C-alpha atoms as a PDB file:
ATOM      1  CA  UNK A   1      -8.533  11.087  17.912  1.00  0.00           C
ATOM      2  CA  UNK A   2      -6.168   8.177  18.953  1.00  0.00           C
ATOM      3  CA  UNK A   3      -8.764   6.557  21.311  1.00  0.00           C
ATOM      4  CA  UNK A   4      -7.645   3.101  20.422  1.00  0.00           C
ATOM      5  CA  UNK A   5      -4.319   1.367  20.126  1.00  0.00           C
ATOM      6  CA  UNK A   6      -5.460   0.070  16.614  1.00  0.00           C
ATOM      7  CA  UNK A   7      -5.782   3.652  15.385  1.00  0.00           C
ATOM      8  CA  UNK A   8      -2.132   4.267  16.461  1.00  0.00           C
ATOM      9  CA  UNK A   9      -0.804   1.028  15.038  1.00  0.00           C
ATOM     10  CA  UNK A  10      -2.677   1.657  11.822  1.00  0.00           C
ATOM     11  CA  UNK A  11      -1.285   5.089  11.434  1.00  0.00           C
ATOM     12  CA  UNK A  12       2.322   3.834  12.169  1.00  0.00           C
ATOM     13  CA  UNK A  13       2.041   1.206   9.581  1.00  0.00           C
ATOM     14  CA  UNK A  14       0.539   3.548   6.925  1.00  0.00           C
ATOM     15  CA  UNK A  15       3.555   5.999   7.356  1.00  0.00           C
ATOM     16  CA  UNK A  16       5.927   3.035   7.022  1.00  0.00           C
ATOM     17  CA  UNK A  17       4.226   1.964   3.846  1.00  0.00           C
ATOM     18  CA  UNK A  18       4.313   5.473   2.415  1.00  0.00           C
ATOM     19  CA  UNK A  19       7.856   5.887   3.431  1.00  0.00           C
ATOM     20  CA  UNK A  20       8.665   2.759   1.433  1.00  0.00           C
ATOM     21  CA  UNK A  21       6.810   3.778  -1.574  1.00  0.00           C
ATOM     22  CA  UNK A  22       8.305   7.317  -1.725  1.00  0.00           C
ATOM     23  CA  UNK A  23      11.722   5.816  -1.323  1.00  0.00           C
ATOM     24  CA  UNK A  24      11.341   3.811  -4.429  1.00  0.00           C
ATOM     25  CA  UNK A  25       9.503   6.582  -6.278  1.00  0.00           C
ATOM     26  CA  UNK A  26      12.510   8.738  -5.801  1.00  0.00           C
ATOM     27  CA  UNK A  27      14.923   6.115  -7.189  1.00  0.00           C
ATOM     28  CA  UNK A  28      12.543   5.716 -10.135  1.00  0.00           C
ATOM     29  CA  UNK A  29      12.865   9.412 -11.028  1.00  0.00           C
ATOM     30  CA  UNK A  30      16.708   9.017 -11.660  1.00  0.00           C
ATOM     31  CA  UNK A  31      16.285   6.153 -14.149  1.00  0.00           C
ATOM     32  CA  UNK A  32      15.641   6.204 -17.883  1.00  0.00           C
ATOM     33  CA  UNK A  33      12.379   5.094 -19.213  1.00  0.00           C
ATOM     34  CA  UNK A  34      11.704   4.072 -22.839  1.00  0.00           C
ATOM     35  CA  UNK A  35       7.846   4.387 -23.021  1.00  0.00           C
ATOM     36  CA  UNK A  36       5.675   5.816 -20.332  1.00  0.00           C
ATOM     37  CA  UNK A  37       1.882   5.692 -20.813  1.00  0.00           C
ATOM     38  CA  UNK A  38      -0.509   7.605 -18.540  1.00  0.00           C
ATOM     39  CA  UNK A  39      -4.068   7.218 -19.595  1.00  0.00           C
ATOM     40  CA  UNK A  40      -7.143   8.767 -18.255  1.00  0.00           C
ATOM     41  CA  UNK A  41      -8.088   5.567 -16.523  1.00  0.00           C
ATOM     42  CA  UNK A  42      -4.669   5.437 -14.798  1.00  0.00           C
ATOM     43  CA  UNK A  43      -5.268   8.897 -13.342  1.00  0.00           C
ATOM     44  CA  UNK A  44      -8.917   7.917 -12.225  1.00  0.00           C
ATOM     45  CA  UNK A  45      -7.503   4.828 -10.343  1.00  0.00           C
ATOM     46  CA  UNK A  46      -4.870   6.866  -8.821  1.00  0.00           C
ATOM     47  CA  UNK A  47      -7.467   9.356  -7.557  1.00  0.00           C
ATOM     48  CA  UNK A  48      -9.717   6.423  -6.285  1.00  0.00           C
ATOM     49  CA  UNK A  49      -6.571   5.067  -4.495  1.00  0.00           C
ATOM     50  CA  UNK A  50      -5.811   8.244  -2.936  1.00  0.00           C
ATOM     51  CA  UNK A  51      -9.469   8.586  -1.677  1.00  0.00           C
ATOM     52  CA  UNK A  52      -9.319   5.177  -0.379  1.00  0.00           C
ATOM     53  CA  UNK A  53      -6.174   5.908   1.703  1.00  0.00           C
ATOM     54  CA  UNK A  54      -7.347   9.319   3.036  1.00  0.00           C
ATOM     55  CA  UNK A  55     -10.772   7.929   4.522  1.00  0.00           C
ATOM     56  CA  UNK A  56      -9.103   5.917   7.181  1.00  0.00           C
ATOM     57  CA  UNK A  57      -6.719   8.887   7.976  1.00  0.00           C
ATOM     58  CA  UNK A  58      -9.831  11.062   8.354  1.00  0.00           C
ATOM     59  CA  UNK A  59     -11.319   8.381  10.699  1.00  0.00           C
ATOM     60  CA  UNK A  60      -8.164   8.436  12.718  1.00  0.00           C
ATOM     61  CA  UNK A  61      -7.905  12.136  13.187  1.00  0.00           C
ATOM     62  CA  UNK A  62     -11.425  13.352  13.315  1.00  0.00           C
ATOM     63  CA  UNK A  63     -14.849  12.352  14.643  1.00  0.00           C
ATOM     64  CA  UNK A  64     -16.603  12.852  11.320  1.00  0.00           C
ATOM     65  CA  UNK A  65     -16.973   9.148  10.792  1.00  0.00           C
ATOM     66  CA  UNK A  66     -17.843   8.057  14.204  1.00  0.00           C
ATOM     67  CA  UNK A  67     -21.440   7.366  13.119  1.00  0.00           C
ATOM     68  CA  UNK A  68     -20.128   4.362  11.211  1.00  0.00           C
ATOM     69  CA  UNK A  69     -18.445   2.858  14.393  1.00  0.00           C
ATOM     70  CA  UNK A  70     -19.137  -0.831  14.992  1.00  0.00           C
ATOM     71  CA  UNK A  71     -17.719  -3.340  17.641  1.00  0.00           C
ATOM     72  CA  UNK A  72     -15.688  -6.312  16.965  1.00  0.00           C
ATOM     73  CA  UNK A  73     -13.501  -8.559  19.350  1.00  0.00           C
ATOM     74  CA  UNK A  74      -9.986  -7.182  19.934  1.00  0.00           C
ATOM     75  CA  UNK A  75      -8.493 -10.272  18.345  1.00  0.00           C
ATOM     76  CA  UNK A  76      -9.918  -9.316  14.919  1.00  0.00           C
ATOM     77  CA  UNK A  77      -7.909  -5.923  15.231  1.00  0.00           C
ATOM     78  CA  UNK A  78      -4.682  -7.872  16.012  1.00  0.00           C
ATOM     79  CA  UNK A  79      -5.323 -10.202  12.935  1.00  0.00           C
ATOM     80  CA  UNK A  80      -5.647  -6.848  10.784  1.00  0.00           C
ATOM     81  CA  UNK A  81      -2.226  -5.670  12.452  1.00  0.00           C
ATOM     82  CA  UNK A  82      -0.465  -8.938  11.313  1.00  0.00           C
ATOM     83  CA  UNK A  83      -2.034  -8.923   7.873  1.00  0.00           C
ATOM     84  CA  UNK A  84      -1.086  -5.142   7.271  1.00  0.00           C
ATOM     85  CA  UNK A  85       2.514  -5.854   8.434  1.00  0.00           C
ATOM     86  CA  UNK A  86       2.487  -8.661   5.862  1.00  0.00           C
ATOM     87  CA  UNK A  87       1.125  -6.237   3.447  1.00  0.00           C
ATOM     88  CA  UNK A  88       4.131  -3.845   4.054  1.00  0.00           C
ATOM     89  CA  UNK A  89       6.680  -6.730   3.845  1.00  0.00           C
ATOM     90  CA  UNK A  90       5.223  -7.625   0.521  1.00  0.00           C
ATOM     91  CA  UNK A  91       5.327  -4.019  -0.583  1.00  0.00           C
ATOM     92  CA  UNK A  92       8.959  -3.552   0.322  1.00  0.00           C
ATOM     93  CA  UNK A  93      10.128  -6.974  -0.950  1.00  0.00           C
ATOM     94  CA  UNK A  94       8.542  -6.495  -4.352  1.00  0.00           C
ATOM     95  CA  UNK A  95       9.955  -3.140  -4.781  1.00  0.00           C
ATOM     96  CA  UNK A  96      13.424  -4.440  -3.673  1.00  0.00           C
ATOM     97  CA  UNK A  97      13.224  -7.406  -5.864  1.00  0.00           C
ATOM     98  CA  UNK A  98      12.080  -5.498  -8.916  1.00  0.00           C
ATOM     99  CA  UNK A  99      15.012  -2.935  -8.495  1.00  0.00           C
ATOM    100  CA  UNK A 100      15.288  -1.059 -11.728  1.00  0.00           C
ATOM    101  CA  UNK A 101      12.256  -2.627 -13.311  1.00  0.00           C
ATOM    102  CA  UNK A 102       9.837  -1.080 -10.870  1.00  0.00           C
ATOM    103  CA  UNK A 103       7.895   1.939 -12.024  1.00  0.00           C
ATOM    104  CA  UNK A 104       4.924   3.856 -10.241  1.00  0.00           C
ATOM    105  CA  UNK A 105       3.043   3.803 -13.563  1.00  0.00           C
ATOM    106  CA  UNK A 106       2.871   1.769 -16.600  1.00  0.00           C
ATOM    107  CA  UNK A 107       6.379   2.196 -18.165  1.00  0.00           C
ATOM    108  CA  UNK A 108       8.904   0.297 -19.873  1.00  0.00           C
ATOM    109  CA  UNK A 109      12.590   0.303 -19.445  1.00  0.00           C
ATOM    110  CA  UNK A 110      15.177   0.171 -22.262  1.00  0.00           C
ATOM    111  CA  UNK A 111      16.222  -3.398 -21.281  1.00  0.00           C
ATOM    112  CA  UNK A 112      13.436  -4.900 -19.302  1.00  0.00           C
ATOM    113  CA  UNK A 113      13.888  -8.356 -17.664  1.00  0.00           C
ATOM    114  CA  UNK A 114      11.585 -10.781 -16.168  1.00  0.00           C
ATOM    115  CA  UNK A 115      12.054 -11.122 -12.499  1.00  0.00           C
ATOM    116  CA  UNK A 116      11.569 -14.646 -11.249  1.00  0.00           C
ATOM    117  CA  UNK A 117      13.523 -14.558  -8.054  1.00  0.00           C
ATOM    118  CA  UNK A 118      12.715 -13.261  -4.379  1.00  0.00           C
ATOM    119  CA  UNK A 119       9.083 -12.870  -3.809  1.00  0.00           C
ATOM    120  CA  UNK A 120       8.203 -13.176  -7.464  1.00  0.00           C
ATOM    121  CA  UNK A 121       9.361 -16.809  -7.454  1.00  0.00           C
ATOM    122  CA  UNK A 122       6.156 -17.523  -5.270  1.00  0.00           C
ATOM    123  CA  UNK A 123       3.857 -14.717  -6.127  1.00  0.00           C
ATOM    124  CA  UNK A 124       3.283 -13.174  -9.669  1.00  0.00           C
ATOM    125  CA  UNK A 125       1.892  -9.715  -8.495  1.00  0.00           C
ATOM    126  CA  UNK A 126       2.949  -9.238  -4.874  1.00  0.00           C
ATOM    127  CA  UNK A 127       2.194  -5.509  -5.102  1.00  0.00           C
ATOM    128  CA  UNK A 128      -1.566  -6.344  -5.748  1.00  0.00           C
ATOM    129  CA  UNK A 129      -1.722  -8.697  -2.998  1.00  0.00           C
ATOM    130  CA  UNK A 130      -0.039  -6.265  -0.772  1.00  0.00           C
ATOM    131  CA  UNK A 131      -2.561  -3.541  -1.572  1.00  0.00           C
ATOM    132  CA  UNK A 132      -5.421  -5.897  -1.179  1.00  0.00           C
ATOM    133  CA  UNK A 133      -4.302  -6.933   2.187  1.00  0.00           C
ATOM    134  CA  UNK A 134      -3.915  -3.186   3.194  1.00  0.00           C
ATOM    135  CA  UNK A 135      -7.409  -2.416   2.106  1.00  0.00           C
ATOM    136  CA  UNK A 136      -8.941  -5.430   3.892  1.00  0.00           C
ATOM    137  CA  UNK A 137      -6.886  -4.772   7.009  1.00  0.00           C
ATOM    138  CA  UNK A 138      -8.186  -1.103   7.505  1.00  0.00           C
ATOM    139  CA  UNK A 139     -11.619  -2.573   8.157  1.00  0.00           C
ATOM    140  CA  UNK A 140     -10.503  -4.624  11.153  1.00  0.00           C
ATOM    141  CA  UNK A 141      -8.511  -1.946  12.770  1.00  0.00           C
ATOM    142  CA  UNK A 142     -11.333   0.402  13.591  1.00  0.00           C
ATOM    143  CA  UNK A 143     -13.299  -1.501  15.892  1.00  0.00           C
END
């Protein structure tokens, strides 16, 4: 199960990212939305995202995927730890900076505003960059 420090760190960072996401989802439920569109393609991507998050968890808690093990130097795993921590920071900061404008799906507020401060001053889509980093980092953890 947890036969590597990287599996433990990955699990901890994944729990932190999930807590951040759920915290802001709960805040979203309390806010009014003018237009909310959920299409079939949104549901498909949501399902694929869920599968993508479950596969590393299966790897951590079972031996089903041990056939796919490979060996990399330890420093590669530590680079993954740093990048995943950066992804969590981007996730939190972008949710925080968006405030009332953040939605978990494609939706529009009654009075939307363009956010140009905080992390959005430097990166237009920090959530996407954070998710990209999380996906790439999970490959470096399981060495």
